[in-house]
Amino acid sequence: MNLKKISLFIALLLIADQALKIWIKTHMHLDEAIIVFPDWFQLRFIENNGAAFGMQIVTSGAFDWGKLLLGIFRIGMVGILGWWIYDLSCKRQNTPKGVIIGLTLILAGALGNILDSAFYGLIFSESTPYSVAEFGGSYAGFMMGKVVDMFYFPLFQWESVPHFLRFLVDSNNYFFGAIFNLADAYISVAVVYLLLFQYRFFCK
């Protein structure tokens, strides 16, 4: 894949991710759910601070240094990944196309969540659903915005969950209770794909 195709692919992935997030933010209240398929698939609007393991290092003025450091780390990793994709696509012509696509998905996913943190606090107010009239009434500074999640799959309830497996269920004991977004899906699908089908490339 040449750089033009890679750039177009990243742009399309980001547009899809951001369009869905902005639609959710401007049409739904926090924790509101739209039932897509009864009993197993919902669009449920939540926001999270995006800090690793819920880390909240807050100083006066409610400035979250942990979130800022995480944001800087993510930007650095995106830069490294972008350079790697460039090197593989331009200087190593024998790189499998699947490797490039997988790494590009990871890059687009990381960028999608960085955009939430970087700009949503600046362009949206805290009330929901957000409306165009409220743009500019910012609730947080640069890199302090909240990440939007919406995909929820309450597949089945798992009663008496062992403590060490609690991370697999939500507060209502629904298996796979995590709520995620398109950017998260890009990353997860790419990692599984690379591990299953492109591992030989990384084991050279």
C-alpha atoms as a PDB file:
ATOM      1  CA  MET A   1       0.000   0.000   0.000  1.00  0.00           C
ATOM      2  CA  ASN A   2       1.319   3.463  -0.847  1.00  0.00           C
ATOM      3  CA  LEU A   3       1.109   6.420   1.525  1.00  0.00           C
ATOM      4  CA  LYS A   4      -1.810   7.987  -0.335  1.00  0.00           C
ATOM      5  CA  LYS A   5      -3.959   4.882   0.142  1.00  0.00           C
ATOM      6  CA  ILE A   6      -2.884   4.546   3.778  1.00  0.00           C
ATOM      7  CA  SER A   7      -3.731   8.209   4.469  1.00  0.00           C
ATOM      8  CA  LEU A   8      -7.144   7.841   2.812  1.00  0.00           C
ATOM      9  CA  PHE A   9      -7.828   4.678   4.825  1.00  0.00           C
ATOM     10  CA  ILE A  10      -6.937   6.456   8.087  1.00  0.00           C
ATOM     11  CA  ALA A  11      -9.107   9.450   7.151  1.00  0.00           C
ATOM     12  CA  LEU A  12     -12.138   7.233   6.415  1.00  0.00           C
ATOM     13  CA  LEU A  13     -11.707   5.341   9.688  1.00  0.00           C
ATOM     14  CA  LEU A  14     -11.432   8.585  11.669  1.00  0.00           C
ATOM     15  CA  ILE A  15     -14.461  10.121   9.959  1.00  0.00           C
ATOM     16  CA  ALA A  16     -16.569   7.051  10.784  1.00  0.00           C
ATOM     17  CA  ASP A  17     -15.378   7.047  14.416  1.00  0.00           C
ATOM     18  CA  GLN A  18     -15.873  10.766  14.997  1.00  0.00           C
ATOM     19  CA  ALA A  19     -19.184  10.984  13.120  1.00  0.00           C
ATOM     20  CA  LEU A  20     -20.699   8.264  15.316  1.00  0.00           C
ATOM     21  CA  LYS A  21     -19.326   9.794  18.523  1.00  0.00           C
ATOM     22  CA  ILE A  22     -20.611  13.270  17.676  1.00  0.00           C
ATOM     23  CA  TRP A  23     -24.025  11.873  16.713  1.00  0.00           C
ATOM     24  CA  ILE A  24     -24.207  10.045  20.052  1.00  0.00           C
ATOM     25  CA  LYS A  25     -23.151  13.184  21.962  1.00  0.00           C
ATOM     26  CA  THR A  26     -25.661  15.433  20.221  1.00  0.00           C
ATOM     27  CA  HIS A  27     -28.660  13.077  20.292  1.00  0.00           C
ATOM     28  CA  MET A  28     -28.463  11.126  23.555  1.00  0.00           C
ATOM     29  CA  HIS A  29     -28.295  11.719  27.309  1.00  0.00           C
ATOM     30  CA  LEU A  30     -25.572  10.118  29.364  1.00  0.00           C
ATOM     31  CA  ASP A  31     -26.402   6.449  30.087  1.00  0.00           C
ATOM     32  CA  GLU A  32     -29.315   6.543  27.626  1.00  0.00           C
ATOM     33  CA  ALA A  33     -29.604   3.378  25.557  1.00  0.00           C
ATOM     34  CA  ILE A  34     -30.991   2.585  22.121  1.00  0.00           C
ATOM     35  CA  ILE A  35     -31.884  -1.088  21.681  1.00  0.00           C
ATOM     36  CA  VAL A  36     -30.501  -2.219  18.323  1.00  0.00           C
ATOM     37  CA  PHE A  37     -31.107  -5.948  18.756  1.00  0.00           C
ATOM     38  CA  PRO A  38     -33.085  -6.967  21.862  1.00  0.00           C
ATOM     39  CA  ASP A  39     -31.177  -8.796  24.587  1.00  0.00           C
ATOM     40  CA  TRP A  40     -27.711  -8.511  23.057  1.00  0.00           C
ATOM     41  CA  PHE A  41     -26.824  -5.221  21.342  1.00  0.00           C
ATOM     42  CA  GLN A  42     -27.384  -1.652  22.516  1.00  0.00           C
ATOM     43  CA  LEU A  43     -26.030   1.786  21.774  1.00  0.00           C
ATOM     44  CA  ARG A  44     -25.460   3.111  25.302  1.00  0.00           C
ATOM     45  CA  PHE A  45     -23.897   6.541  25.732  1.00  0.00           C
ATOM     46  CA  ILE A  46     -21.207   6.763  28.385  1.00  0.00           C
ATOM     47  CA  GLU A  47     -18.064   8.838  28.758  1.00  0.00           C
ATOM     48  CA  ASN A  48     -14.821   7.967  30.495  1.00  0.00           C
ATOM     49  CA  ASN A  49     -11.763   9.963  31.447  1.00  0.00           C
ATOM     50  CA  GLY A  50      -9.511   7.672  29.474  1.00  0.00           C
ATOM     51  CA  ALA A  51      -6.864   7.426  32.191  1.00  0.00           C
ATOM     52  CA  ALA A  52      -5.071   4.110  32.618  1.00  0.00           C
ATOM     53  CA  PHE A  53      -6.741   1.884  35.217  1.00  0.00           C
ATOM     54  CA  GLY A  54      -9.002   4.810  36.222  1.00  0.00           C
ATOM     55  CA  MET A  55      -5.989   6.793  37.407  1.00  0.00           C
ATOM     56  CA  GLN A  56      -7.017  10.227  38.683  1.00  0.00           C
ATOM     57  CA  ILE A  57      -4.082  12.359  39.813  1.00  0.00           C
ATOM     58  CA  VAL A  58      -5.772  15.675  40.534  1.00  0.00           C
ATOM     59  CA  THR A  59      -4.200  18.864  41.803  1.00  0.00           C
ATOM     60  CA  SER A  60      -5.708  22.260  42.535  1.00  0.00           C
ATOM     61  CA  GLY A  61      -7.976  23.420  39.743  1.00  0.00           C
ATOM     62  CA  ALA A  62      -9.005  19.816  39.112  1.00  0.00           C
ATOM     63  CA  PHE A  63      -6.109  19.355  36.685  1.00  0.00           C
ATOM     64  CA  ASP A  64      -5.518  15.679  36.022  1.00  0.00           C
ATOM     65  CA  TRP A  65      -1.777  15.185  35.561  1.00  0.00           C
ATOM     66  CA  GLY A  66      -2.255  11.447  35.089  1.00  0.00           C
ATOM     67  CA  LYS A  67      -4.551  12.058  32.132  1.00  0.00           C
ATOM     68  CA  LEU A  68      -2.132  14.577  30.627  1.00  0.00           C
ATOM     69  CA  LEU A  69       0.804  12.166  30.921  1.00  0.00           C
ATOM     70  CA  LEU A  70      -1.282   9.385  29.394  1.00  0.00           C
ATOM     71  CA  GLY A  71      -2.218  11.704  26.513  1.00  0.00           C
ATOM     72  CA  ILE A  72       1.415  12.617  25.885  1.00  0.00           C
ATOM     73  CA  PHE A  73       2.369   8.929  25.975  1.00  0.00           C
ATOM     74  CA  ARG A  74      -0.370   8.089  23.447  1.00  0.00           C
ATOM     75  CA  ILE A  75       0.731  10.875  21.104  1.00  0.00           C
ATOM     76  CA  GLY A  76       4.310   9.608  21.317  1.00  0.00           C
ATOM     77  CA  MET A  77       3.203   6.059  20.528  1.00  0.00           C
ATOM     78  CA  VAL A  78       1.146   7.289  17.564  1.00  0.00           C
ATOM     79  CA  GLY A  79       4.232   9.076  16.260  1.00  0.00           C
ATOM     80  CA  ILE A  80       6.335   5.912  16.552  1.00  0.00           C
ATOM     81  CA  LEU A  81       3.621   3.796  14.925  1.00  0.00           C
ATOM     82  CA  GLY A  82       3.229   6.308  12.094  1.00  0.00           C
ATOM     83  CA  TRP A  83       6.968   6.230  11.439  1.00  0.00           C
ATOM     84  CA  TRP A  84       6.930   2.408  11.476  1.00  0.00           C
ATOM     85  CA  ILE A  85       4.078   2.262   8.941  1.00  0.00           C
ATOM     86  CA  TYR A  86       5.948   4.730   6.715  1.00  0.00           C
ATOM     87  CA  ASP A  87       9.132   2.666   6.944  1.00  0.00           C
ATOM     88  CA  LEU A  88       7.364  -0.616   6.193  1.00  0.00           C
ATOM     89  CA  SER A  89       5.339   0.740   3.274  1.00  0.00           C
ATOM     90  CA  CYS A  90       8.039   2.848   1.605  1.00  0.00           C
ATOM     91  CA  LYS A  91      11.334   1.161   2.409  1.00  0.00           C
ATOM     92  CA  ARG A  92      10.379  -2.492   2.788  1.00  0.00           C
ATOM     93  CA  GLN A  93       8.417  -3.357  -0.305  1.00  0.00           C
ATOM     94  CA  ASN A  94       8.045  -7.013   0.722  1.00  0.00           C
ATOM     95  CA  THR A  95       5.945  -6.170   3.811  1.00  0.00           C
ATOM     96  CA  PRO A  96       2.625  -8.080   3.677  1.00  0.00           C
ATOM     97  CA  LYS A  97      -0.339  -5.816   2.982  1.00  0.00           C
ATOM     98  CA  GLY A  98      -2.148  -7.354   5.957  1.00  0.00           C
ATOM     99  CA  VAL A  99       0.553  -6.079   8.322  1.00  0.00           C
ATOM    100  CA  ILE A 100       0.184  -2.543   6.969  1.00  0.00           C
ATOM    101  CA  ILE A 101      -3.607  -2.689   7.258  1.00  0.00           C
ATOM    102  CA  GLY A 102      -3.430  -4.031  10.821  1.00  0.00           C
ATOM    103  CA  LEU A 103      -0.982  -1.368  11.989  1.00  0.00           C
ATOM    104  CA  THR A 104      -3.020   1.322  10.229  1.00  0.00           C
ATOM    105  CA  LEU A 105      -6.155   0.199  12.089  1.00  0.00           C
ATOM    106  CA  ILE A 106      -4.283   0.500  15.392  1.00  0.00           C
ATOM    107  CA  LEU A 107      -3.020   3.966  14.423  1.00  0.00           C
ATOM    108  CA  ALA A 108      -6.501   5.154  13.435  1.00  0.00           C
ATOM    109  CA  GLY A 109      -7.999   3.778  16.654  1.00  0.00           C
ATOM    110  CA  ALA A 110      -5.425   5.523  18.807  1.00  0.00           C
ATOM    111  CA  LEU A 111      -5.924   8.794  16.930  1.00  0.00           C
ATOM    112  CA  GLY A 112      -9.702   8.537  17.301  1.00  0.00           C
ATOM    113  CA  ASN A 113      -9.526   8.385  21.103  1.00  0.00           C
ATOM    114  CA  ILE A 114      -6.814  11.064  21.251  1.00  0.00           C
ATOM    115  CA  LEU A 115      -9.136  13.435  19.377  1.00  0.00           C
ATOM    116  CA  ASP A 116     -11.807  12.937  22.064  1.00  0.00           C
ATOM    117  CA  SER A 117      -9.397  13.767  24.871  1.00  0.00           C
ATOM    118  CA  ALA A 118      -7.728  16.620  23.012  1.00  0.00           C
ATOM    119  CA  PHE A 119     -10.728  18.568  21.716  1.00  0.00           C
ATOM    120  CA  TYR A 120     -14.078  17.431  23.142  1.00  0.00           C
ATOM    121  CA  GLY A 121     -13.490  19.277  26.401  1.00  0.00           C
ATOM    122  CA  LEU A 122     -12.943  22.467  24.403  1.00  0.00           C
ATOM    123  CA  ILE A 123     -15.901  22.306  22.011  1.00  0.00           C
ATOM    124  CA  PHE A 124     -18.658  20.751  24.134  1.00  0.00           C
ATOM    125  CA  SER A 125     -20.340  21.791  27.352  1.00  0.00           C
ATOM    126  CA  GLU A 126     -21.147  19.309  30.130  1.00  0.00           C
ATOM    127  CA  SER A 127     -24.935  19.175  29.661  1.00  0.00           C
ATOM    128  CA  THR A 128     -26.387  16.379  27.561  1.00  0.00           C
ATOM    129  CA  PRO A 129     -27.489  15.851  24.906  1.00  0.00           C
ATOM    130  CA  TYR A 130     -25.022  18.358  23.480  1.00  0.00           C
ATOM    131  CA  SER A 131     -26.332  20.791  20.894  1.00  0.00           C
ATOM    132  CA  VAL A 132     -24.672  23.027  18.352  1.00  0.00           C
ATOM    133  CA  ALA A 133     -25.777  26.080  20.328  1.00  0.00           C
ATOM    134  CA  GLU A 134     -23.689  24.889  23.271  1.00  0.00           C
ATOM    135  CA  PHE A 135     -20.433  24.532  21.361  1.00  0.00           C
ATOM    136  CA  GLY A 136     -17.780  26.792  22.834  1.00  0.00           C
ATOM    137  CA  GLY A 137     -19.033  26.422  26.402  1.00  0.00           C
ATOM    138  CA  SER A 138     -16.070  24.212  27.195  1.00  0.00           C
ATOM    139  CA  TYR A 139     -15.947  21.950  30.253  1.00  0.00           C
ATOM    140  CA  ALA A 140     -12.240  21.043  30.151  1.00  0.00           C
ATOM    141  CA  GLY A 141      -8.927  22.101  28.665  1.00  0.00           C
ATOM    142  CA  PHE A 142      -6.765  20.611  25.943  1.00  0.00           C
ATOM    143  CA  MET A 143      -6.176  16.854  26.466  1.00  0.00           C
ATOM    144  CA  MET A 144      -8.665  16.876  29.379  1.00  0.00           C
ATOM    145  CA  GLY A 145     -11.795  15.865  27.440  1.00  0.00           C
ATOM    146  CA  LYS A 146     -13.744  12.641  27.972  1.00  0.00           C
ATOM    147  CA  VAL A 147     -13.769   9.682  25.583  1.00  0.00           C
ATOM    148  CA  VAL A 148     -17.162   8.659  24.166  1.00  0.00           C
ATOM    149  CA  ASP A 149     -18.194   4.974  24.235  1.00  0.00           C
ATOM    150  CA  MET A 150     -21.398   3.452  22.928  1.00  0.00           C
ATOM    151  CA  PHE A 151     -21.271  -0.235  21.899  1.00  0.00           C
ATOM    152  CA  TYR A 152     -22.721  -2.491  24.588  1.00  0.00           C
ATOM    153  CA  PHE A 153     -23.288  -6.238  24.260  1.00  0.00           C
ATOM    154  CA  PRO A 154     -25.031  -7.625  27.383  1.00  0.00           C
ATOM    155  CA  LEU A 155     -24.843 -11.182  26.101  1.00  0.00           C
ATOM    156  CA  PHE A 156     -25.926 -13.025  29.258  1.00  0.00           C
ATOM    157  CA  GLN A 157     -25.859 -12.682  33.024  1.00  0.00           C
ATOM    158  CA  TRP A 158     -23.229 -14.603  34.946  1.00  0.00           C
ATOM    159  CA  GLU A 159     -24.204 -15.053  38.557  1.00  0.00           C
ATOM    160  CA  SER A 160     -21.661 -15.866  41.282  1.00  0.00           C
ATOM    161  CA  VAL A 161     -18.719 -14.598  39.251  1.00  0.00           C
ATOM    162  CA  PRO A 162     -15.326 -15.509  40.808  1.00  0.00           C
ATOM    163  CA  HIS A 163     -13.555 -12.426  42.082  1.00  0.00           C
ATOM    164  CA  PHE A 164     -10.584 -12.806  39.734  1.00  0.00           C
ATOM    165  CA  LEU A 165     -12.969 -12.773  36.732  1.00  0.00           C
ATOM    166  CA  ARG A 166     -14.968  -9.680  37.766  1.00  0.00           C
ATOM    167  CA  PHE A 167     -13.384  -7.695  34.955  1.00  0.00           C
ATOM    168  CA  LEU A 168     -15.403  -9.792  32.478  1.00  0.00           C
ATOM    169  CA  VAL A 169     -18.787  -8.573  33.732  1.00  0.00           C
ATOM    170  CA  ASP A 170     -20.470  -5.250  34.444  1.00  0.00           C
ATOM    171  CA  SER A 171     -22.266  -4.066  37.585  1.00  0.00           C
ATOM    172  CA  ASN A 172     -25.349  -6.105  36.618  1.00  0.00           C
ATOM    173  CA  ASN A 173     -23.276  -9.270  36.093  1.00  0.00           C
ATOM    174  CA  TYR A 174     -23.646  -9.179  32.320  1.00  0.00           C
ATOM    175  CA  PHE A 175     -20.823 -11.004  30.590  1.00  0.00           C
ATOM    176  CA  PHE A 176     -18.613  -8.745  28.478  1.00  0.00           C
ATOM    177  CA  GLY A 177     -20.028  -5.660  30.122  1.00  0.00           C
ATOM    178  CA  ALA A 178     -17.431  -3.327  28.628  1.00  0.00           C
ATOM    179  CA  ILE A 179     -18.803  -0.435  26.595  1.00  0.00           C
ATOM    180  CA  PHE A 180     -16.507   0.590  23.774  1.00  0.00           C
ATOM    181  CA  ASN A 181     -16.327   2.693  20.621  1.00  0.00           C
ATOM    182  CA  LEU A 182     -15.278   2.259  16.994  1.00  0.00           C
ATOM    183  CA  ALA A 183     -11.703   3.332  17.733  1.00  0.00           C
ATOM    184  CA  ASP A 184     -11.430   0.609  20.395  1.00  0.00           C
ATOM    185  CA  ALA A 185     -12.857  -1.903  17.914  1.00  0.00           C
ATOM    186  CA  TYR A 186     -10.258  -0.938  15.285  1.00  0.00           C
ATOM    187  CA  ILE A 187      -7.456  -1.628  17.762  1.00  0.00           C
ATOM    188  CA  SER A 188      -8.918  -4.885  19.112  1.00  0.00           C
ATOM    189  CA  VAL A 189      -9.667  -6.355  15.683  1.00  0.00           C
ATOM    190  CA  ALA A 190      -6.219  -5.378  14.398  1.00  0.00           C
ATOM    191  CA  VAL A 191      -4.357  -6.882  17.357  1.00  0.00           C
ATOM    192  CA  VAL A 192      -6.255 -10.192  17.102  1.00  0.00           C
ATOM    193  CA  TYR A 193      -5.761 -10.282  13.326  1.00  0.00           C
ATOM    194  CA  LEU A 194      -2.022  -9.592  13.562  1.00  0.00           C
ATOM    195  CA  LEU A 195      -1.527 -12.200  16.288  1.00  0.00           C
ATOM    196  CA  LEU A 196      -3.485 -14.889  14.429  1.00  0.00           C
ATOM    197  CA  PHE A 197      -2.517 -14.296  10.807  1.00  0.00           C
ATOM    198  CA  GLN A 198       0.628 -12.161  10.681  1.00  0.00           C
ATOM    199  CA  TYR A 199       2.646 -13.453  13.627  1.00  0.00           C
ATOM    200  CA  ARG A 200       5.324 -14.888  11.317  1.00  0.00           C
ATOM    201  CA  PHE A 201       6.221 -11.383  10.175  1.00  0.00           C
ATOM    202  CA  PHE A 202       6.866 -10.232  13.733  1.00  0.00           C
ATOM    203  CA  CYS A 203       8.825 -13.388  14.640  1.00  0.00           C
ATOM    204  CA  LYS A 204      11.453 -12.920  11.955  1.00  0.00           C
END
